[in-house]
Amino acid sequence: MSGMCSVLRCDSSRRSAQRFKLPEDAEKRLEWVQFVLEVNGQRLKESCWTEISICTEHFTEDCFGNTGPTGTAQLKPGAVPSLFIKTCDSPSFCAEESILSNHTSPIGK
């Protein structure tokens, strides 16, 4: 999949990190969207959800199953992104890893 990760300030495209589209399951899809809304701090129109992709760097190791036949990572069913890695865009915004554990906030917040 070409393009960039939908998480703001994620520079994984420089490292060619694999990205995943939103899951088909409505409940899991909503959890992924809530993660993006939470880390990006902005709303998205539902019509934009089809463009969301999240890279491997936002999933914990236990979210992955066996590697696929082409050497690509395979997400386990029910995997939800939870890692937000900040990069050094400026001296005041420097490398720090946060784990977001609360995905219960409503979208219309």
C-alpha atoms as a PDB file:
ATOM      1  CA  MET A   1       0.000   0.000   0.000  1.00  0.00           C
ATOM      2  CA  SER A   2       1.455   3.359  -0.993  1.00  0.00           C
ATOM      3  CA  GLY A   3       0.933   6.641   0.814  1.00  0.00           C
ATOM      4  CA  MET A   4       1.408   7.660   4.382  1.00  0.00           C
ATOM      5  CA  CYS A   5       0.226   6.550   7.778  1.00  0.00           C
ATOM      6  CA  SER A   6      -2.881   8.486   8.883  1.00  0.00           C
ATOM      7  CA  VAL A   7      -1.349   9.266  12.281  1.00  0.00           C
ATOM      8  CA  LEU A   8      -0.048  12.842  12.333  1.00  0.00           C
ATOM      9  CA  ARG A   9       3.719  13.248  12.687  1.00  0.00           C
ATOM     10  CA  CYS A  10       4.315   9.578  11.916  1.00  0.00           C
ATOM     11  CA  ASP A  11       7.366   9.409   9.706  1.00  0.00           C
ATOM     12  CA  SER A  12       7.184   5.665   9.069  1.00  0.00           C
ATOM     13  CA  SER A  13       6.979   6.243   5.312  1.00  0.00           C
ATOM     14  CA  ARG A  14      10.713   7.022   5.446  1.00  0.00           C
ATOM     15  CA  ARG A  15      11.253   3.494   6.753  1.00  0.00           C
ATOM     16  CA  SER A  16       8.776   1.891   4.337  1.00  0.00           C
ATOM     17  CA  ALA A  17       6.651   0.569   7.204  1.00  0.00           C
ATOM     18  CA  GLN A  18       3.737  -1.611   6.173  1.00  0.00           C
ATOM     19  CA  ARG A  19       0.292   0.004   6.476  1.00  0.00           C
ATOM     20  CA  PHE A  20      -3.139  -1.496   7.047  1.00  0.00           C
ATOM     21  CA  LYS A  21      -6.574  -0.322   5.936  1.00  0.00           C
ATOM     22  CA  LEU A  22      -9.443  -0.170   8.429  1.00  0.00           C
ATOM     23  CA  PRO A  23     -10.935  -3.560   9.289  1.00  0.00           C
ATOM     24  CA  GLU A  24     -14.275  -4.638   7.820  1.00  0.00           C
ATOM     25  CA  ASP A  25     -15.767  -5.336  11.265  1.00  0.00           C
ATOM     26  CA  ALA A  26     -17.740  -2.188  12.230  1.00  0.00           C
ATOM     27  CA  GLU A  27     -16.834  -2.343  15.925  1.00  0.00           C
ATOM     28  CA  LYS A  28     -13.094  -2.747  15.283  1.00  0.00           C
ATOM     29  CA  ARG A  29     -13.193  -0.119  12.523  1.00  0.00           C
ATOM     30  CA  LEU A  30     -14.660   2.356  15.021  1.00  0.00           C
ATOM     31  CA  GLU A  31     -11.870   1.558  17.523  1.00  0.00           C
ATOM     32  CA  TRP A  32      -9.235   2.259  14.857  1.00  0.00           C
ATOM     33  CA  VAL A  33     -10.918   5.548  13.917  1.00  0.00           C
ATOM     34  CA  GLN A  34     -11.141   6.550  17.588  1.00  0.00           C
ATOM     35  CA  PHE A  35      -7.394   5.904  17.921  1.00  0.00           C
ATOM     36  CA  VAL A  36      -6.665   8.183  14.945  1.00  0.00           C
ATOM     37  CA  LEU A  37      -9.004  10.876  16.288  1.00  0.00           C
ATOM     38  CA  GLU A  38      -7.426  10.673  19.730  1.00  0.00           C
ATOM     39  CA  VAL A  39      -3.799  10.903  18.605  1.00  0.00           C
ATOM     40  CA  ASN A  40      -4.442  13.451  15.847  1.00  0.00           C
ATOM     41  CA  GLY A  41      -6.721  15.605  17.999  1.00  0.00           C
ATOM     42  CA  GLN A  42      -9.170  16.276  15.185  1.00  0.00           C
ATOM     43  CA  ARG A  43     -12.378  14.983  13.708  1.00  0.00           C
ATOM     44  CA  LEU A  44     -12.759  13.160  10.410  1.00  0.00           C
ATOM     45  CA  LYS A  45     -15.816  12.964   8.214  1.00  0.00           C
ATOM     46  CA  GLU A  46     -17.026   9.383   7.938  1.00  0.00           C
ATOM     47  CA  SER A  47     -16.591   9.659   4.165  1.00  0.00           C
ATOM     48  CA  CYS A  48     -12.830  10.057   4.764  1.00  0.00           C
ATOM     49  CA  TRP A  49     -12.561   6.816   6.714  1.00  0.00           C
ATOM     50  CA  THR A  50     -11.891   4.836   3.529  1.00  0.00           C
ATOM     51  CA  GLU A  51      -8.597   6.717   3.180  1.00  0.00           C
ATOM     52  CA  ILE A  52      -7.320   5.836   6.659  1.00  0.00           C
ATOM     53  CA  SER A  53      -4.332   3.525   6.887  1.00  0.00           C
ATOM     54  CA  ILE A  54      -2.260   2.830   9.978  1.00  0.00           C
ATOM     55  CA  CYS A  55       1.292   1.501   9.912  1.00  0.00           C
ATOM     56  CA  THR A  56       2.801  -1.379  11.858  1.00  0.00           C
ATOM     57  CA  GLU A  57       4.493   1.044  14.258  1.00  0.00           C
ATOM     58  CA  HIS A  58       1.187   1.768  16.021  1.00  0.00           C
ATOM     59  CA  PHE A  59       0.488  -1.859  16.963  1.00  0.00           C
ATOM     60  CA  THR A  60       2.007  -3.828  19.831  1.00  0.00           C
ATOM     61  CA  GLU A  61       3.920  -7.025  18.993  1.00  0.00           C
ATOM     62  CA  ASP A  62       1.104  -9.215  20.262  1.00  0.00           C
ATOM     63  CA  CYS A  63      -1.177  -7.815  17.509  1.00  0.00           C
ATOM     64  CA  PHE A  64       0.741  -9.732  14.839  1.00  0.00           C
ATOM     65  CA  GLY A  65       0.384 -13.342  13.778  1.00  0.00           C
ATOM     66  CA  ASN A  66       2.574 -15.287  11.395  1.00  0.00           C
ATOM     67  CA  THR A  67       4.288 -13.493   8.547  1.00  0.00           C
ATOM     68  CA  GLY A  68       2.485 -13.892   5.227  1.00  0.00           C
ATOM     69  CA  PRO A  69       3.909 -15.708   2.184  1.00  0.00           C
ATOM     70  CA  THR A  70       5.366 -12.472   0.793  1.00  0.00           C
ATOM     71  CA  GLY A  71       7.088 -11.609   4.092  1.00  0.00           C
ATOM     72  CA  THR A  72       4.435  -9.089   5.120  1.00  0.00           C
ATOM     73  CA  ALA A  73       3.148  -8.757   8.664  1.00  0.00           C
ATOM     74  CA  GLN A  74      -0.294 -10.201   9.316  1.00  0.00           C
ATOM     75  CA  LEU A  75      -2.543  -8.596  11.917  1.00  0.00           C
ATOM     76  CA  LYS A  76      -4.433 -10.925  14.217  1.00  0.00           C
ATOM     77  CA  PRO A  77      -8.229 -10.652  14.106  1.00  0.00           C
ATOM     78  CA  GLY A  78      -9.298  -8.018  16.611  1.00  0.00           C
ATOM     79  CA  ALA A  79      -5.966  -6.130  16.577  1.00  0.00           C
ATOM     80  CA  VAL A  80      -6.346  -2.450  17.479  1.00  0.00           C
ATOM     81  CA  PRO A  81      -3.630   0.218  17.173  1.00  0.00           C
ATOM     82  CA  SER A  82      -2.516   1.605  20.524  1.00  0.00           C
ATOM     83  CA  LEU A  83       0.995   3.052  20.141  1.00  0.00           C
ATOM     84  CA  PHE A  84       1.703   6.679  19.384  1.00  0.00           C
ATOM     85  CA  ILE A  85       5.349   7.426  18.738  1.00  0.00           C
ATOM     86  CA  LYS A  86       6.247  11.096  18.680  1.00  0.00           C
ATOM     87  CA  THR A  87       9.176  12.146  16.507  1.00  0.00           C
ATOM     88  CA  CYS A  88      11.584  15.070  16.872  1.00  0.00           C
ATOM     89  CA  ASP A  89       9.986  17.772  14.730  1.00  0.00           C
ATOM     90  CA  SER A  90      11.296  20.450  17.071  1.00  0.00           C
ATOM     91  CA  PRO A  91      13.304  20.582  20.299  1.00  0.00           C
ATOM     92  CA  SER A  92      10.072  20.911  22.292  1.00  0.00           C
ATOM     93  CA  PHE A  93       8.479  17.890  20.605  1.00  0.00           C
ATOM     94  CA  CYS A  94      11.009  15.111  21.027  1.00  0.00           C
ATOM     95  CA  ALA A  95      11.099  11.300  20.944  1.00  0.00           C
ATOM     96  CA  GLU A  96       8.741   9.846  23.472  1.00  0.00           C
ATOM     97  CA  GLU A  97       6.507   6.784  23.276  1.00  0.00           C
ATOM     98  CA  SER A  98       2.992   6.832  24.643  1.00  0.00           C
ATOM     99  CA  ILE A  99       0.600   3.939  24.933  1.00  0.00           C
ATOM    100  CA  LEU A 100      -2.995   4.973  24.600  1.00  0.00           C
ATOM    101  CA  SER A 101      -5.111   2.608  26.574  1.00  0.00           C
ATOM    102  CA  ASN A 102      -8.488   4.327  26.668  1.00  0.00           C
ATOM    103  CA  HIS A 103     -10.421   4.114  23.405  1.00  0.00           C
ATOM    104  CA  THR A 104     -13.832   4.698  24.922  1.00  0.00           C
ATOM    105  CA  SER A 105     -14.207   8.366  24.075  1.00  0.00           C
ATOM    106  CA  PRO A 106     -17.096   9.097  21.695  1.00  0.00           C
ATOM    107  CA  ILE A 107     -16.273  10.333  18.219  1.00  0.00           C
ATOM    108  CA  GLY A 108     -18.385  13.456  18.534  1.00  0.00           C
ATOM    109  CA  LYS A 109     -16.429  14.598  21.564  1.00  0.00           C
END
